[in-house]
Amino acid sequence: MKTGFTRWLALFVLLFGASVVHAVEYVSVSESNAILYDAPSIKAKKLFVVNRYMPFEQVVTLDNWVKVRDRSGGLYWMEKRVLSNKRYVFALLPLVDVRAAPDFASPRLFQVRQQVALERLESTGTGWIKVRHQDGNMGYVRSAEVWGG
């Protein structure tokens, strides 16, 4: 009897205890531009220069360096000092509608072009994100139409 319970408990822990959800953390470039490196050192190979507000998924932090992932899945190193926890999203489609409410039937307030940065204010939990344009206008976009959400 005790052995059966132990096996059942071990199976339960394997199936359900290992299903820890890891939240994706995003960061954005806080300086006018930033360099992406292939290793965590300013002596490493410089790969690209990116502009302010560019969102990245934070993978790991090592001292003054952060390993980040871009929307295509590429992995790079950036100096921690050029990054901010303030969240931005970039439009993925040629034109993204920003609506008055998180609903397709809601009026379109404005549109943004691909790669335009919007400040991410909050997620509705329904596939929509509340955003703010740099000019101060606010609205909602579909999370599937932006990167960094």
C-alpha atoms as a PDB file:
ATOM      1  CA  MET A   1       0.000   0.000   0.000  1.00  0.00           C
ATOM      2  CA  LYS A   2       2.754   2.427   0.939  1.00  0.00           C
ATOM      3  CA  THR A   3       4.683   1.640  -2.268  1.00  0.00           C
ATOM      4  CA  GLY A   4       1.618   2.328  -4.455  1.00  0.00           C
ATOM      5  CA  PHE A   5       1.066   5.695  -2.778  1.00  0.00           C
ATOM      6  CA  THR A   6       4.755   6.607  -3.203  1.00  0.00           C
ATOM      7  CA  ARG A   7       4.621   5.741  -6.912  1.00  0.00           C
ATOM      8  CA  TRP A   8       1.415   7.736  -7.347  1.00  0.00           C
ATOM      9  CA  LEU A   9       2.950  10.722  -5.541  1.00  0.00           C
ATOM     10  CA  ALA A  10       6.117  10.526  -7.652  1.00  0.00           C
ATOM     11  CA  LEU A  11       4.027  10.402 -10.841  1.00  0.00           C
ATOM     12  CA  PHE A  12       1.954  13.387  -9.679  1.00  0.00           C
ATOM     13  CA  VAL A  13       5.083  15.439  -8.983  1.00  0.00           C
ATOM     14  CA  LEU A  14       6.581  14.496 -12.360  1.00  0.00           C
ATOM     15  CA  LEU A  15       3.444  15.412 -14.276  1.00  0.00           C
ATOM     16  CA  PHE A  16       2.272  18.493 -12.422  1.00  0.00           C
ATOM     17  CA  GLY A  17       5.181  19.695 -10.332  1.00  0.00           C
ATOM     18  CA  ALA A  18       7.409  20.190 -13.357  1.00  0.00           C
ATOM     19  CA  SER A  19       4.896  22.392 -15.139  1.00  0.00           C
ATOM     20  CA  VAL A  20       6.231  25.612 -13.673  1.00  0.00           C
ATOM     21  CA  VAL A  21       5.337  28.515 -15.925  1.00  0.00           C
ATOM     22  CA  HIS A  22       8.200  30.835 -16.788  1.00  0.00           C
ATOM     23  CA  ALA A  23       7.016  34.343 -17.548  1.00  0.00           C
ATOM     24  CA  VAL A  24       8.653  35.994 -20.519  1.00  0.00           C
ATOM     25  CA  GLU A  25      10.403  39.219 -19.547  1.00  0.00           C
ATOM     26  CA  TYR A  26      10.818  41.979 -22.092  1.00  0.00           C
ATOM     27  CA  VAL A  27      13.187  44.920 -22.097  1.00  0.00           C
ATOM     28  CA  SER A  28      13.609  47.808 -24.510  1.00  0.00           C
ATOM     29  CA  VAL A  29      16.449  50.012 -25.676  1.00  0.00           C
ATOM     30  CA  SER A  30      16.524  53.197 -23.599  1.00  0.00           C
ATOM     31  CA  GLU A  31      19.338  55.020 -25.415  1.00  0.00           C
ATOM     32  CA  SER A  32      19.153  56.596 -28.879  1.00  0.00           C
ATOM     33  CA  ASN A  33      20.834  53.438 -30.191  1.00  0.00           C
ATOM     34  CA  ALA A  34      22.519  50.318 -28.867  1.00  0.00           C
ATOM     35  CA  ILE A  35      24.988  47.732 -30.134  1.00  0.00           C
ATOM     36  CA  LEU A  36      24.231  44.015 -30.304  1.00  0.00           C
ATOM     37  CA  TYR A  37      27.288  41.827 -29.627  1.00  0.00           C
ATOM     38  CA  ASP A  38      27.999  38.126 -30.128  1.00  0.00           C
ATOM     39  CA  ALA A  39      29.428  37.767 -26.587  1.00  0.00           C
ATOM     40  CA  PRO A  40      29.214  39.662 -23.264  1.00  0.00           C
ATOM     41  CA  SER A  41      32.186  41.987 -23.835  1.00  0.00           C
ATOM     42  CA  ILE A  42      32.800  45.301 -25.585  1.00  0.00           C
ATOM     43  CA  LYS A  43      35.726  43.516 -27.230  1.00  0.00           C
ATOM     44  CA  ALA A  44      33.348  40.977 -28.786  1.00  0.00           C
ATOM     45  CA  LYS A  45      32.188  41.169 -32.393  1.00  0.00           C
ATOM     46  CA  LYS A  46      29.678  43.985 -32.991  1.00  0.00           C
ATOM     47  CA  LEU A  47      26.753  42.582 -34.969  1.00  0.00           C
ATOM     48  CA  PHE A  48      24.087  45.280 -35.307  1.00  0.00           C
ATOM     49  CA  VAL A  49      23.042  48.706 -34.093  1.00  0.00           C
ATOM     50  CA  VAL A  50      19.389  49.086 -33.031  1.00  0.00           C
ATOM     51  CA  ASN A  51      17.294  52.157 -32.258  1.00  0.00           C
ATOM     52  CA  ARG A  52      15.610  53.414 -29.123  1.00  0.00           C
ATOM     53  CA  TYR A  53      12.475  51.553 -27.949  1.00  0.00           C
ATOM     54  CA  MET A  54      13.382  48.312 -29.769  1.00  0.00           C
ATOM     55  CA  PRO A  55      11.874  45.511 -27.661  1.00  0.00           C
ATOM     56  CA  PHE A  56      13.726  42.302 -26.832  1.00  0.00           C
ATOM     57  CA  GLU A  57      12.976  39.228 -24.787  1.00  0.00           C
ATOM     58  CA  GLN A  58      15.393  39.050 -21.859  1.00  0.00           C
ATOM     59  CA  VAL A  59      16.979  35.598 -21.734  1.00  0.00           C
ATOM     60  CA  VAL A  60      19.687  35.881 -19.074  1.00  0.00           C
ATOM     61  CA  THR A  61      21.607  38.544 -17.171  1.00  0.00           C
ATOM     62  CA  LEU A  62      25.333  38.241 -16.526  1.00  0.00           C
ATOM     63  CA  ASP A  63      26.919  41.078 -14.541  1.00  0.00           C
ATOM     64  CA  ASN A  64      26.560  44.184 -16.748  1.00  0.00           C
ATOM     65  CA  TRP A  65      25.325  42.243 -19.774  1.00  0.00           C
ATOM     66  CA  VAL A  66      21.952  40.915 -20.883  1.00  0.00           C
ATOM     67  CA  LYS A  67      21.411  38.153 -23.405  1.00  0.00           C
ATOM     68  CA  VAL A  68      18.371  39.058 -25.495  1.00  0.00           C
ATOM     69  CA  ARG A  69      16.230  37.449 -28.188  1.00  0.00           C
ATOM     70  CA  ASP A  70      14.719  39.427 -31.047  1.00  0.00           C
ATOM     71  CA  ARG A  71      11.427  38.663 -32.783  1.00  0.00           C
ATOM     72  CA  SER A  72      13.122  36.371 -35.319  1.00  0.00           C
ATOM     73  CA  GLY A  73      14.676  34.292 -32.525  1.00  0.00           C
ATOM     74  CA  GLY A  74      18.210  35.670 -32.884  1.00  0.00           C
ATOM     75  CA  LEU A  75      20.252  35.779 -29.679  1.00  0.00           C
ATOM     76  CA  TYR A  76      22.567  38.680 -28.864  1.00  0.00           C
ATOM     77  CA  TRP A  77      24.337  40.339 -25.948  1.00  0.00           C
ATOM     78  CA  MET A  78      23.696  43.961 -24.926  1.00  0.00           C
ATOM     79  CA  GLU A  79      25.093  46.161 -22.215  1.00  0.00           C
ATOM     80  CA  LYS A  80      22.600  46.334 -19.366  1.00  0.00           C
ATOM     81  CA  ARG A  81      22.976  50.123 -19.111  1.00  0.00           C
ATOM     82  CA  VAL A  82      21.318  50.672 -22.532  1.00  0.00           C
ATOM     83  CA  LEU A  83      18.182  48.715 -21.571  1.00  0.00           C
ATOM     84  CA  SER A  84      15.038  49.640 -19.692  1.00  0.00           C
ATOM     85  CA  ASN A  85      12.229  47.626 -18.115  1.00  0.00           C
ATOM     86  CA  LYS A  86       9.791  50.092 -19.683  1.00  0.00           C
ATOM     87  CA  ARG A  87       7.909  48.011 -22.211  1.00  0.00           C
ATOM     88  CA  TYR A  88       7.429  48.875 -25.865  1.00  0.00           C
ATOM     89  CA  VAL A  89       5.921  46.887 -28.703  1.00  0.00           C
ATOM     90  CA  PHE A  90       6.664  47.175 -32.422  1.00  0.00           C
ATOM     91  CA  ALA A  91       4.053  46.765 -35.141  1.00  0.00           C
ATOM     92  CA  LEU A  92       4.666  43.598 -37.145  1.00  0.00           C
ATOM     93  CA  LEU A  93       2.265  44.197 -40.034  1.00  0.00           C
ATOM     94  CA  PRO A  94       2.567  46.898 -42.707  1.00  0.00           C
ATOM     95  CA  LEU A  95      -0.308  48.724 -40.934  1.00  0.00           C
ATOM     96  CA  VAL A  96      -1.718  48.023 -37.474  1.00  0.00           C
ATOM     97  CA  ASP A  97      -5.047  49.456 -36.322  1.00  0.00           C
ATOM     98  CA  VAL A  98      -5.161  51.026 -32.877  1.00  0.00           C
ATOM     99  CA  ARG A  99      -8.749  50.832 -31.613  1.00  0.00           C
ATOM    100  CA  ALA A 100     -10.740  52.703 -28.957  1.00  0.00           C
ATOM    101  CA  ALA A 101     -11.552  49.482 -27.071  1.00  0.00           C
ATOM    102  CA  PRO A 102     -10.230  45.910 -27.143  1.00  0.00           C
ATOM    103  CA  ASP A 103     -12.689  44.783 -29.811  1.00  0.00           C
ATOM    104  CA  PHE A 104     -12.649  44.513 -33.618  1.00  0.00           C
ATOM    105  CA  ALA A 105     -15.989  46.355 -33.736  1.00  0.00           C
ATOM    106  CA  SER A 106     -14.539  49.309 -31.822  1.00  0.00           C
ATOM    107  CA  PRO A 107     -13.684  52.431 -33.854  1.00  0.00           C
ATOM    108  CA  ARG A 108     -10.173  52.713 -35.232  1.00  0.00           C
ATOM    109  CA  LEU A 109      -8.422  55.671 -33.582  1.00  0.00           C
ATOM    110  CA  PHE A 110      -5.291  55.623 -35.731  1.00  0.00           C
ATOM    111  CA  GLN A 111      -2.902  53.300 -37.559  1.00  0.00           C
ATOM    112  CA  VAL A 112       0.812  52.711 -37.154  1.00  0.00           C
ATOM    113  CA  ARG A 113       3.256  51.436 -39.726  1.00  0.00           C
ATOM    114  CA  GLN A 114       5.473  48.403 -39.359  1.00  0.00           C
ATOM    115  CA  GLN A 115       8.297  48.821 -36.806  1.00  0.00           C
ATOM    116  CA  VAL A 116       6.672  51.864 -35.147  1.00  0.00           C
ATOM    117  CA  ALA A 117       7.132  51.719 -31.369  1.00  0.00           C
ATOM    118  CA  LEU A 118       4.161  51.917 -29.018  1.00  0.00           C
ATOM    119  CA  GLU A 119       4.493  52.029 -25.252  1.00  0.00           C
ATOM    120  CA  ARG A 120       2.877  48.925 -23.747  1.00  0.00           C
ATOM    121  CA  LEU A 121       0.608  50.003 -20.902  1.00  0.00           C
ATOM    122  CA  GLU A 122      -1.190  46.773 -19.993  1.00  0.00           C
ATOM    123  CA  SER A 123      -2.499  43.491 -21.290  1.00  0.00           C
ATOM    124  CA  THR A 124      -6.242  42.900 -21.201  1.00  0.00           C
ATOM    125  CA  GLY A 125      -5.756  39.141 -20.990  1.00  0.00           C
ATOM    126  CA  THR A 126      -8.040  38.771 -24.014  1.00  0.00           C
ATOM    127  CA  GLY A 127      -5.488  39.054 -26.816  1.00  0.00           C
ATOM    128  CA  TRP A 128      -5.419  42.867 -26.776  1.00  0.00           C
ATOM    129  CA  ILE A 129      -2.821  45.266 -25.375  1.00  0.00           C
ATOM    130  CA  LYS A 130      -3.398  48.842 -24.264  1.00  0.00           C
ATOM    131  CA  VAL A 131      -0.744  51.071 -25.851  1.00  0.00           C
ATOM    132  CA  ARG A 132       0.316  54.699 -26.088  1.00  0.00           C
ATOM    133  CA  HIS A 133       1.804  56.338 -29.165  1.00  0.00           C
ATOM    134  CA  GLN A 134       4.681  58.805 -28.701  1.00  0.00           C
ATOM    135  CA  ASP A 135       2.263  61.660 -29.471  1.00  0.00           C
ATOM    136  CA  GLY A 136       0.171  60.645 -26.422  1.00  0.00           C
ATOM    137  CA  ASN A 137      -2.744  58.941 -28.196  1.00  0.00           C
ATOM    138  CA  MET A 138      -3.840  55.708 -26.508  1.00  0.00           C
ATOM    139  CA  GLY A 139      -5.770  52.690 -27.684  1.00  0.00           C
ATOM    140  CA  TYR A 140      -5.726  48.929 -28.085  1.00  0.00           C
ATOM    141  CA  VAL A 141      -3.893  46.626 -30.501  1.00  0.00           C
ATOM    142  CA  ARG A 142      -4.101  42.876 -31.043  1.00  0.00           C
ATOM    143  CA  SER A 143      -1.159  41.205 -29.303  1.00  0.00           C
ATOM    144  CA  ALA A 144      -0.637  38.994 -32.385  1.00  0.00           C
ATOM    145  CA  GLU A 145       0.062  42.097 -34.496  1.00  0.00           C
ATOM    146  CA  VAL A 146       2.941  43.408 -32.361  1.00  0.00           C
ATOM    147  CA  TRP A 147       6.257  42.133 -31.004  1.00  0.00           C
ATOM    148  CA  GLY A 148       7.300  42.642 -27.388  1.00  0.00           C
ATOM    149  CA  GLY A 149       3.880  42.165 -25.853  1.00  0.00           C
END
